[in-house]
Amino acid sequence: MFKDKAVILFLVLGAFFITNALVAQMIGVKIFSLEASLGFDPFDWEILGVSGLGFNLTAGVLLWPVVFVMTDIVNEYYGQKGVRYLSFLAAGLISYAMVMIFLSINLTPNEWWAYESNANTENPGLGIRDMNLAFKKIFGQGLWIIVGSLVAFLVSQLLDVLVFHQIRKWTGEKHLWARATGSTLVSQFIDSYIVLLIAFYIGNDWELVRVLAIGTVNYIYKFGMAIVLTPALYIVHFAIDKFLGKELANTLKEQAALPQIR
């Protein structure tokens, strides 16, 4: 089994895919300013009448480019079944991780860990006064945010599969950039709004226009990254073809392109 290059490749791609999806969920609680991180003054856009908008993004977007590349590579070599299998597996493992985190949050903390060990004796103002509260704030994402993230992830992944293979039918083996980037642009358009609609419009009573405006900013970022990362897709594709060998690589791609029997 582990001498089969096709199996080894699927395991490696699957490991990266699931790890990135899980870590993105964990670090997504942090919001950062892209402009400030790059040394620019924050933008002050107005979209749909909502002002003061800029690239204030969840830290999870750091891993989104890897998920983008992994999804399209799995699509290319293992087809719809491969992407669906990994997507549902990732969603299940994220749900499992969230349950374990919820249980850990509700454990009674040791008093020394929660308070005494984190005090900064030289400068008390810099210490963490309540480590347990900090733990809850960082890991205790709201239920609606978790639900929104999971639903958006699954819907966007399944949509990506459909669009990818539809474009492949039109172009054949040519134009990898078209099916990879095109499917990502469509799926991430949906993803950008679903997560916010569930997490903040339904879950936190935000105004719909604000949700749509923020979703538009998020999609502008994802649109730009999808274009920028297109060369990376070709590099990974070349490396995989070299690892598999021309004959095996072509066989896998031909099988992936066949209509999938459910």
C-alpha atoms as a PDB file:
ATOM      1  CA  MET A   1       0.000   0.000   0.000  1.00  0.00           C
ATOM      2  CA  PHE A   2       2.655   2.510   1.036  1.00  0.00           C
ATOM      3  CA  LYS A   3       4.718   1.686  -2.048  1.00  0.00           C
ATOM      4  CA  ASP A   4       1.882   2.918  -4.246  1.00  0.00           C
ATOM      5  CA  LYS A   5       2.733   6.480  -5.278  1.00  0.00           C
ATOM      6  CA  ALA A   6      -0.905   7.349  -5.911  1.00  0.00           C
ATOM      7  CA  VAL A   7      -1.813   6.332  -2.339  1.00  0.00           C
ATOM      8  CA  ILE A   8       1.161   8.183  -0.861  1.00  0.00           C
ATOM      9  CA  LEU A   9       0.238  11.327  -2.775  1.00  0.00           C
ATOM     10  CA  PHE A  10      -3.384  11.169  -1.624  1.00  0.00           C
ATOM     11  CA  LEU A  11      -2.299  10.742   2.005  1.00  0.00           C
ATOM     12  CA  VAL A  12       0.082  13.701   1.794  1.00  0.00           C
ATOM     13  CA  LEU A  13      -2.459  15.950   0.064  1.00  0.00           C
ATOM     14  CA  GLY A  14      -5.173  14.850   2.484  1.00  0.00           C
ATOM     15  CA  ALA A  15      -2.960  15.523   5.498  1.00  0.00           C
ATOM     16  CA  PHE A  16      -2.179  19.058   4.321  1.00  0.00           C
ATOM     17  CA  PHE A  17      -5.799  19.669   3.357  1.00  0.00           C
ATOM     18  CA  ILE A  18      -7.255  18.599   6.708  1.00  0.00           C
ATOM     19  CA  THR A  19      -4.505  20.197   8.800  1.00  0.00           C
ATOM     20  CA  ASN A  20      -4.958  23.542   7.088  1.00  0.00           C
ATOM     21  CA  ALA A  21      -8.743  23.410   7.420  1.00  0.00           C
ATOM     22  CA  LEU A  22      -8.459  22.595  11.128  1.00  0.00           C
ATOM     23  CA  VAL A  23      -5.774  25.180  11.913  1.00  0.00           C
ATOM     24  CA  ALA A  24      -7.683  27.845   9.973  1.00  0.00           C
ATOM     25  CA  GLN A  25     -10.655  27.181  12.232  1.00  0.00           C
ATOM     26  CA  MET A  26      -8.469  27.479  15.347  1.00  0.00           C
ATOM     27  CA  ILE A  27      -6.739  30.748  14.451  1.00  0.00           C
ATOM     28  CA  GLY A  28      -9.796  32.285  12.788  1.00  0.00           C
ATOM     29  CA  VAL A  29     -10.756  33.995  16.046  1.00  0.00           C
ATOM     30  CA  LYS A  30      -8.049  36.624  15.442  1.00  0.00           C
ATOM     31  CA  ILE A  31      -8.862  39.593  13.212  1.00  0.00           C
ATOM     32  CA  PHE A  32      -5.901  41.432  11.708  1.00  0.00           C
ATOM     33  CA  SER A  33      -5.369  44.435   9.467  1.00  0.00           C
ATOM     34  CA  LEU A  34      -3.765  43.380   6.201  1.00  0.00           C
ATOM     35  CA  GLU A  35      -2.793  46.946   5.329  1.00  0.00           C
ATOM     36  CA  ALA A  36      -1.154  47.635   8.693  1.00  0.00           C
ATOM     37  CA  SER A  37       0.643  44.275   8.584  1.00  0.00           C
ATOM     38  CA  LEU A  38       2.138  45.274   5.222  1.00  0.00           C
ATOM     39  CA  GLY A  39       3.047  48.753   6.486  1.00  0.00           C
ATOM     40  CA  PHE A  40       0.271  50.682   4.712  1.00  0.00           C
ATOM     41  CA  ASP A  41      -2.373  52.995   6.063  1.00  0.00           C
ATOM     42  CA  PRO A  42      -5.719  51.160   6.389  1.00  0.00           C
ATOM     43  CA  PHE A  43      -8.154  51.704   3.526  1.00  0.00           C
ATOM     44  CA  ASP A  44     -11.358  53.594   4.152  1.00  0.00           C
ATOM     45  CA  TRP A  45     -13.766  52.186   1.600  1.00  0.00           C
ATOM     46  CA  GLU A  46     -17.499  52.654   1.422  1.00  0.00           C
ATOM     47  CA  ILE A  47     -19.463  49.713   0.030  1.00  0.00           C
ATOM     48  CA  LEU A  48     -23.281  49.536  -0.053  1.00  0.00           C
ATOM     49  CA  GLY A  49     -23.381  52.633   2.146  1.00  0.00           C
ATOM     50  CA  VAL A  50     -21.165  51.064   4.832  1.00  0.00           C
ATOM     51  CA  SER A  51     -18.074  53.206   5.452  1.00  0.00           C
ATOM     52  CA  GLY A  52     -14.749  52.560   7.160  1.00  0.00           C
ATOM     53  CA  LEU A  53     -14.164  49.250   5.389  1.00  0.00           C
ATOM     54  CA  GLY A  54     -10.695  47.842   4.834  1.00  0.00           C
ATOM     55  CA  PHE A  55      -8.930  44.506   4.752  1.00  0.00           C
ATOM     56  CA  ASN A  56      -9.657  43.501   8.341  1.00  0.00           C
ATOM     57  CA  LEU A  57      -9.506  39.746   7.895  1.00  0.00           C
ATOM     58  CA  THR A  58      -9.592  36.612   9.981  1.00  0.00           C
ATOM     59  CA  ALA A  59      -6.171  35.042  10.488  1.00  0.00           C
ATOM     60  CA  GLY A  60      -7.599  31.936   8.835  1.00  0.00           C
ATOM     61  CA  VAL A  61      -7.010  33.530   5.429  1.00  0.00           C
ATOM     62  CA  LEU A  62      -3.295  32.857   5.891  1.00  0.00           C
ATOM     63  CA  LEU A  63      -4.046  29.183   5.245  1.00  0.00           C
ATOM     64  CA  TRP A  64      -6.693  29.695   2.580  1.00  0.00           C
ATOM     65  CA  PRO A  65      -4.129  29.783  -0.285  1.00  0.00           C
ATOM     66  CA  VAL A  66      -2.895  26.305   0.705  1.00  0.00           C
ATOM     67  CA  VAL A  67      -6.468  24.964   0.801  1.00  0.00           C
ATOM     68  CA  PHE A  68      -7.020  26.540  -2.621  1.00  0.00           C
ATOM     69  CA  VAL A  69      -4.030  24.743  -4.125  1.00  0.00           C
ATOM     70  CA  MET A  70      -4.750  21.431  -2.346  1.00  0.00           C
ATOM     71  CA  THR A  71      -8.406  21.390  -3.432  1.00  0.00           C
ATOM     72  CA  ASP A  72      -7.577  21.883  -7.094  1.00  0.00           C
ATOM     73  CA  ILE A  73      -4.728  19.371  -7.047  1.00  0.00           C
ATOM     74  CA  VAL A  74      -6.960  16.721  -5.439  1.00  0.00           C
ATOM     75  CA  ASN A  75      -9.617  17.589  -8.019  1.00  0.00           C
ATOM     76  CA  GLU A  76      -7.110  17.171 -10.829  1.00  0.00           C
ATOM     77  CA  TYR A  77      -5.775  13.755  -9.792  1.00  0.00           C
ATOM     78  CA  TYR A  78      -8.555  12.147  -7.717  1.00  0.00           C
ATOM     79  CA  GLY A  79     -11.728  13.758  -9.008  1.00  0.00           C
ATOM     80  CA  GLN A  80     -14.965  14.635  -7.297  1.00  0.00           C
ATOM     81  CA  LYS A  81     -14.953  11.660  -4.943  1.00  0.00           C
ATOM     82  CA  GLY A  82     -11.522  12.580  -3.630  1.00  0.00           C
ATOM     83  CA  VAL A  83     -12.477  16.161  -2.807  1.00  0.00           C
ATOM     84  CA  ARG A  84     -15.816  15.156  -1.303  1.00  0.00           C
ATOM     85  CA  TYR A  85     -14.204  12.504   0.856  1.00  0.00           C
ATOM     86  CA  LEU A  86     -11.599  14.907   2.234  1.00  0.00           C
ATOM     87  CA  SER A  87     -14.128  17.720   2.676  1.00  0.00           C
ATOM     88  CA  PHE A  88     -16.527  15.633   4.765  1.00  0.00           C
ATOM     89  CA  LEU A  89     -13.648  14.095   6.690  1.00  0.00           C
ATOM     90  CA  ALA A  90     -12.246  17.558   7.454  1.00  0.00           C
ATOM     91  CA  ALA A  91     -15.665  18.814   8.567  1.00  0.00           C
ATOM     92  CA  GLY A  92     -16.088  15.800  10.847  1.00  0.00           C
ATOM     93  CA  LEU A  93     -12.658  16.259  12.417  1.00  0.00           C
ATOM     94  CA  ILE A  94     -13.246  19.998  12.911  1.00  0.00           C
ATOM     95  CA  SER A  95     -16.532  19.190  14.666  1.00  0.00           C
ATOM     96  CA  TYR A  96     -14.744  16.643  16.853  1.00  0.00           C
ATOM     97  CA  ALA A  97     -12.038  19.205  17.705  1.00  0.00           C
ATOM     98  CA  MET A  98     -14.677  21.793  18.627  1.00  0.00           C
ATOM     99  CA  VAL A  99     -16.370  19.335  21.008  1.00  0.00           C
ATOM    100  CA  MET A 100     -13.041  18.554  22.684  1.00  0.00           C
ATOM    101  CA  ILE A 101     -12.244  22.261  23.017  1.00  0.00           C
ATOM    102  CA  PHE A 102     -15.686  22.924  24.490  1.00  0.00           C
ATOM    103  CA  LEU A 103     -15.099  20.203  27.074  1.00  0.00           C
ATOM    104  CA  SER A 104     -11.648  21.575  27.931  1.00  0.00           C
ATOM    105  CA  ILE A 105     -13.062  25.072  28.384  1.00  0.00           C
ATOM    106  CA  ASN A 106     -15.531  23.773  30.935  1.00  0.00           C
ATOM    107  CA  LEU A 107     -12.939  21.940  33.025  1.00  0.00           C
ATOM    108  CA  THR A 108     -12.325  23.545  36.420  1.00  0.00           C
ATOM    109  CA  PRO A 109      -8.911  25.255  36.197  1.00  0.00           C
ATOM    110  CA  ASN A 110      -6.102  24.753  38.642  1.00  0.00           C
ATOM    111  CA  GLU A 111      -5.814  27.966  40.677  1.00  0.00           C
ATOM    112  CA  TRP A 112      -2.039  28.203  40.259  1.00  0.00           C
ATOM    113  CA  TRP A 113      -2.272  27.889  36.473  1.00  0.00           C
ATOM    114  CA  ALA A 114      -5.185  30.271  36.141  1.00  0.00           C
ATOM    115  CA  TYR A 115      -3.800  33.117  38.232  1.00  0.00           C
ATOM    116  CA  GLU A 116      -0.434  32.865  39.978  1.00  0.00           C
ATOM    117  CA  SER A 117       1.769  31.410  37.240  1.00  0.00           C
ATOM    118  CA  ASN A 118       0.881  34.165  34.764  1.00  0.00           C
ATOM    119  CA  ALA A 119       1.522  37.191  36.905  1.00  0.00           C
ATOM    120  CA  ASN A 120       4.286  39.505  35.741  1.00  0.00           C
ATOM    121  CA  THR A 121       6.005  40.386  39.014  1.00  0.00           C
ATOM    122  CA  GLU A 122       8.240  43.048  37.446  1.00  0.00           C
ATOM    123  CA  ASN A 123       5.395  44.771  35.670  1.00  0.00           C
ATOM    124  CA  PRO A 124       1.984  43.560  36.902  1.00  0.00           C
ATOM    125  CA  GLY A 125       0.199  45.493  34.192  1.00  0.00           C
ATOM    126  CA  LEU A 126       1.654  43.189  31.539  1.00  0.00           C
ATOM    127  CA  GLY A 127       0.605  39.940  33.166  1.00  0.00           C
ATOM    128  CA  ILE A 128      -2.475  37.882  32.292  1.00  0.00           C
ATOM    129  CA  ARG A 129      -4.684  38.273  35.332  1.00  0.00           C
ATOM    130  CA  ASP A 130      -7.032  35.428  34.465  1.00  0.00           C
ATOM    131  CA  MET A 131      -5.511  32.763  32.227  1.00  0.00           C
ATOM    132  CA  ASN A 132      -8.690  30.697  32.233  1.00  0.00           C
ATOM    133  CA  LEU A 133     -10.710  33.654  30.944  1.00  0.00           C
ATOM    134  CA  ALA A 134      -8.102  34.249  28.240  1.00  0.00           C
ATOM    135  CA  PHE A 135      -8.311  30.548  27.285  1.00  0.00           C
ATOM    136  CA  LYS A 136     -12.096  30.823  26.962  1.00  0.00           C
ATOM    137  CA  LYS A 137     -11.881  34.000  24.891  1.00  0.00           C
ATOM    138  CA  ILE A 138      -9.358  32.556  22.433  1.00  0.00           C
ATOM    139  CA  PHE A 139     -10.740  29.046  21.979  1.00  0.00           C
ATOM    140  CA  GLY A 140     -14.409  29.624  22.823  1.00  0.00           C
ATOM    141  CA  GLN A 141     -15.697  30.655  19.427  1.00  0.00           C
ATOM    142  CA  GLY A 142     -19.436  31.176  19.286  1.00  0.00           C
ATOM    143  CA  LEU A 143     -21.664  28.349  18.098  1.00  0.00           C
ATOM    144  CA  TRP A 144     -22.963  30.364  15.154  1.00  0.00           C
ATOM    145  CA  ILE A 145     -19.429  31.138  13.977  1.00  0.00           C
ATOM    146  CA  ILE A 146     -18.546  27.441  14.084  1.00  0.00           C
ATOM    147  CA  VAL A 147     -21.727  26.461  12.235  1.00  0.00           C
ATOM    148  CA  GLY A 148     -21.215  29.224   9.678  1.00  0.00           C
ATOM    149  CA  SER A 149     -17.613  28.198   9.040  1.00  0.00           C
ATOM    150  CA  LEU A 150     -18.475  24.521   8.593  1.00  0.00           C
ATOM    151  CA  VAL A 151     -21.461  25.133   6.311  1.00  0.00           C
ATOM    152  CA  ALA A 152     -19.519  27.637   4.189  1.00  0.00           C
ATOM    153  CA  PHE A 153     -16.571  25.242   3.961  1.00  0.00           C
ATOM    154  CA  LEU A 154     -18.655  22.287   2.798  1.00  0.00           C
ATOM    155  CA  VAL A 155     -20.822  24.258   0.359  1.00  0.00           C
ATOM    156  CA  SER A 156     -17.829  26.015  -1.210  1.00  0.00           C
ATOM    157  CA  GLN A 157     -15.847  22.778  -1.540  1.00  0.00           C
ATOM    158  CA  LEU A 158     -18.693  20.872  -3.174  1.00  0.00           C
ATOM    159  CA  LEU A 159     -19.401  23.793  -5.501  1.00  0.00           C
ATOM    160  CA  ASP A 160     -15.712  24.013  -6.372  1.00  0.00           C
ATOM    161  CA  VAL A 161     -15.796  20.364  -7.471  1.00  0.00           C
ATOM    162  CA  LEU A 162     -18.755  20.897  -9.780  1.00  0.00           C
ATOM    163  CA  VAL A 163     -17.408  24.050 -11.419  1.00  0.00           C
ATOM    164  CA  PHE A 164     -13.905  22.578 -11.784  1.00  0.00           C
ATOM    165  CA  HIS A 165     -15.131  19.541 -13.708  1.00  0.00           C
ATOM    166  CA  GLN A 166     -17.616  21.532 -15.773  1.00  0.00           C
ATOM    167  CA  ILE A 167     -14.803  23.793 -16.991  1.00  0.00           C
ATOM    168  CA  ARG A 168     -12.682  20.689 -17.581  1.00  0.00           C
ATOM    169  CA  LYS A 169     -15.392  19.309 -19.876  1.00  0.00           C
ATOM    170  CA  TRP A 170     -15.231  22.495 -21.924  1.00  0.00           C
ATOM    171  CA  THR A 171     -11.428  22.786 -22.101  1.00  0.00           C
ATOM    172  CA  GLY A 172     -10.213  19.188 -21.849  1.00  0.00           C
ATOM    173  CA  GLU A 173      -6.724  18.766 -20.405  1.00  0.00           C
ATOM    174  CA  LYS A 174      -5.701  22.248 -21.492  1.00  0.00           C
ATOM    175  CA  HIS A 175      -5.951  25.419 -19.440  1.00  0.00           C
ATOM    176  CA  LEU A 176      -5.394  24.165 -15.902  1.00  0.00           C
ATOM    177  CA  TRP A 177      -5.454  27.801 -14.782  1.00  0.00           C
ATOM    178  CA  ALA A 178      -9.001  28.233 -16.114  1.00  0.00           C
ATOM    179  CA  ARG A 179     -10.596  25.344 -14.241  1.00  0.00           C
ATOM    180  CA  ALA A 180      -8.551  25.862 -11.068  1.00  0.00           C
ATOM    181  CA  THR A 181      -8.893  29.630 -10.774  1.00  0.00           C
ATOM    182  CA  GLY A 182     -12.413  29.718 -12.214  1.00  0.00           C
ATOM    183  CA  SER A 183     -13.756  27.136  -9.765  1.00  0.00           C
ATOM    184  CA  THR A 184     -12.078  28.934  -6.864  1.00  0.00           C
ATOM    185  CA  LEU A 185     -13.511  32.318  -7.824  1.00  0.00           C
ATOM    186  CA  VAL A 186     -17.035  30.896  -7.958  1.00  0.00           C
ATOM    187  CA  SER A 187     -16.816  28.788  -4.778  1.00  0.00           C
ATOM    188  CA  GLN A 188     -15.144  31.508  -2.708  1.00  0.00           C
ATOM    189  CA  PHE A 189     -17.754  34.036  -3.783  1.00  0.00           C
ATOM    190  CA  ILE A 190     -20.368  31.854  -2.095  1.00  0.00           C
ATOM    191  CA  ASP A 191     -18.096  31.084   0.869  1.00  0.00           C
ATOM    192  CA  SER A 192     -17.432  34.778   1.561  1.00  0.00           C
ATOM    193  CA  TYR A 193     -21.110  35.468   2.204  1.00  0.00           C
ATOM    194  CA  ILE A 194     -22.423  32.212   3.698  1.00  0.00           C
ATOM    195  CA  VAL A 195     -20.136  32.282   6.735  1.00  0.00           C
ATOM    196  CA  LEU A 196     -21.045  35.898   7.544  1.00  0.00           C
ATOM    197  CA  LEU A 197     -24.766  35.416   6.932  1.00  0.00           C
ATOM    198  CA  ILE A 198     -24.927  32.469   9.332  1.00  0.00           C
ATOM    199  CA  ALA A 199     -22.459  33.709  11.948  1.00  0.00           C
ATOM    200  CA  PHE A 200     -23.467  37.358  12.144  1.00  0.00           C
ATOM    201  CA  TYR A 201     -26.758  38.004  10.319  1.00  0.00           C
ATOM    202  CA  ILE A 202     -28.574  34.986  11.763  1.00  0.00           C
ATOM    203  CA  GLY A 203     -26.464  34.472  14.871  1.00  0.00           C
ATOM    204  CA  ASN A 204     -25.770  38.043  15.980  1.00  0.00           C
ATOM    205  CA  ASP A 205     -28.460  40.209  14.333  1.00  0.00           C
ATOM    206  CA  TRP A 206     -26.086  42.272  12.212  1.00  0.00           C
ATOM    207  CA  GLU A 207     -27.644  44.417   9.502  1.00  0.00           C
ATOM    208  CA  LEU A 208     -27.765  42.570   6.185  1.00  0.00           C
ATOM    209  CA  VAL A 209     -26.117  45.444   4.322  1.00  0.00           C
ATOM    210  CA  ARG A 210     -23.103  45.362   6.689  1.00  0.00           C
ATOM    211  CA  VAL A 211     -22.740  41.613   6.256  1.00  0.00           C
ATOM    212  CA  LEU A 212     -22.821  41.963   2.464  1.00  0.00           C
ATOM    213  CA  ALA A 213     -20.326  44.836   2.526  1.00  0.00           C
ATOM    214  CA  ILE A 214     -17.820  42.931   4.673  1.00  0.00           C
ATOM    215  CA  GLY A 215     -18.337  39.829   2.543  1.00  0.00           C
ATOM    216  CA  THR A 216     -17.492  41.874  -0.547  1.00  0.00           C
ATOM    217  CA  VAL A 217     -14.199  43.030   0.998  1.00  0.00           C
ATOM    218  CA  ASN A 218     -13.352  39.426   1.891  1.00  0.00           C
ATOM    219  CA  TYR A 219     -14.086  38.292  -1.644  1.00  0.00           C
ATOM    220  CA  ILE A 220     -11.911  41.033  -3.158  1.00  0.00           C
ATOM    221  CA  TYR A 221      -9.008  39.634  -1.130  1.00  0.00           C
ATOM    222  CA  LYS A 222      -9.744  36.039  -2.154  1.00  0.00           C
ATOM    223  CA  PHE A 223     -10.151  37.061  -5.806  1.00  0.00           C
ATOM    224  CA  GLY A 224      -6.739  38.691  -5.781  1.00  0.00           C
ATOM    225  CA  MET A 225      -5.082  35.741  -4.053  1.00  0.00           C
ATOM    226  CA  ALA A 226      -6.610  33.265  -6.522  1.00  0.00           C
ATOM    227  CA  ILE A 227      -4.990  35.160  -9.402  1.00  0.00           C
ATOM    228  CA  VAL A 228      -1.651  35.592  -7.638  1.00  0.00           C
ATOM    229  CA  LEU A 229      -1.433  31.907  -6.699  1.00  0.00           C
ATOM    230  CA  THR A 230      -2.053  30.527 -10.183  1.00  0.00           C
ATOM    231  CA  PRO A 231       1.704  30.068 -10.873  1.00  0.00           C
ATOM    232  CA  ALA A 232       2.036  28.128  -7.594  1.00  0.00           C
ATOM    233  CA  LEU A 233      -0.567  25.684  -8.874  1.00  0.00           C
ATOM    234  CA  TYR A 234       1.549  24.947 -11.950  1.00  0.00           C
ATOM    235  CA  ILE A 235       4.663  24.467  -9.809  1.00  0.00           C
ATOM    236  CA  VAL A 236       2.902  21.939  -7.558  1.00  0.00           C
ATOM    237  CA  HIS A 237       1.379  20.251 -10.596  1.00  0.00           C
ATOM    238  CA  PHE A 238       4.826  19.885 -12.202  1.00  0.00           C
ATOM    239  CA  ALA A 239       6.340  18.466  -8.991  1.00  0.00           C
ATOM    240  CA  ILE A 240       3.538  15.894  -8.639  1.00  0.00           C
ATOM    241  CA  ASP A 241       3.837  14.785 -12.279  1.00  0.00           C
ATOM    242  CA  LYS A 242       7.551  14.283 -11.731  1.00  0.00           C
ATOM    243  CA  PHE A 243       6.931  12.280  -8.534  1.00  0.00           C
ATOM    244  CA  LEU A 244       4.250  10.061 -10.081  1.00  0.00           C
ATOM    245  CA  GLY A 245       5.806   9.648 -13.483  1.00  0.00           C
ATOM    246  CA  LYS A 246       4.104  10.622 -16.729  1.00  0.00           C
ATOM    247  CA  GLU A 247       2.169   7.372 -17.211  1.00  0.00           C
ATOM    248  CA  LEU A 248       0.679   7.188 -13.699  1.00  0.00           C
ATOM    249  CA  ALA A 249      -0.041  10.925 -13.622  1.00  0.00           C
ATOM    250  CA  ASN A 250      -1.955  10.751 -16.921  1.00  0.00           C
ATOM    251  CA  THR A 251      -3.874   7.662 -15.753  1.00  0.00           C
ATOM    252  CA  LEU A 252      -4.991   9.384 -12.549  1.00  0.00           C
ATOM    253  CA  LYS A 253      -6.048  12.541 -14.395  1.00  0.00           C
ATOM    254  CA  GLU A 254      -8.008  10.528 -16.956  1.00  0.00           C
ATOM    255  CA  GLN A 255      -9.812   8.628 -14.205  1.00  0.00           C
ATOM    256  CA  ALA A 256     -10.501  11.857 -12.307  1.00  0.00           C
ATOM    257  CA  ALA A 257     -12.128  13.351 -15.394  1.00  0.00           C
ATOM    258  CA  LEU A 258     -14.586  10.460 -15.800  1.00  0.00           C
ATOM    259  CA  PRO A 259     -18.220  10.971 -14.701  1.00  0.00           C
ATOM    260  CA  GLN A 260     -18.468  10.054 -11.023  1.00  0.00           C
ATOM    261  CA  ILE A 261     -20.888   7.292 -10.003  1.00  0.00           C
ATOM    262  CA  ARG A 262     -22.374   8.109  -6.623  1.00  0.00           C
END
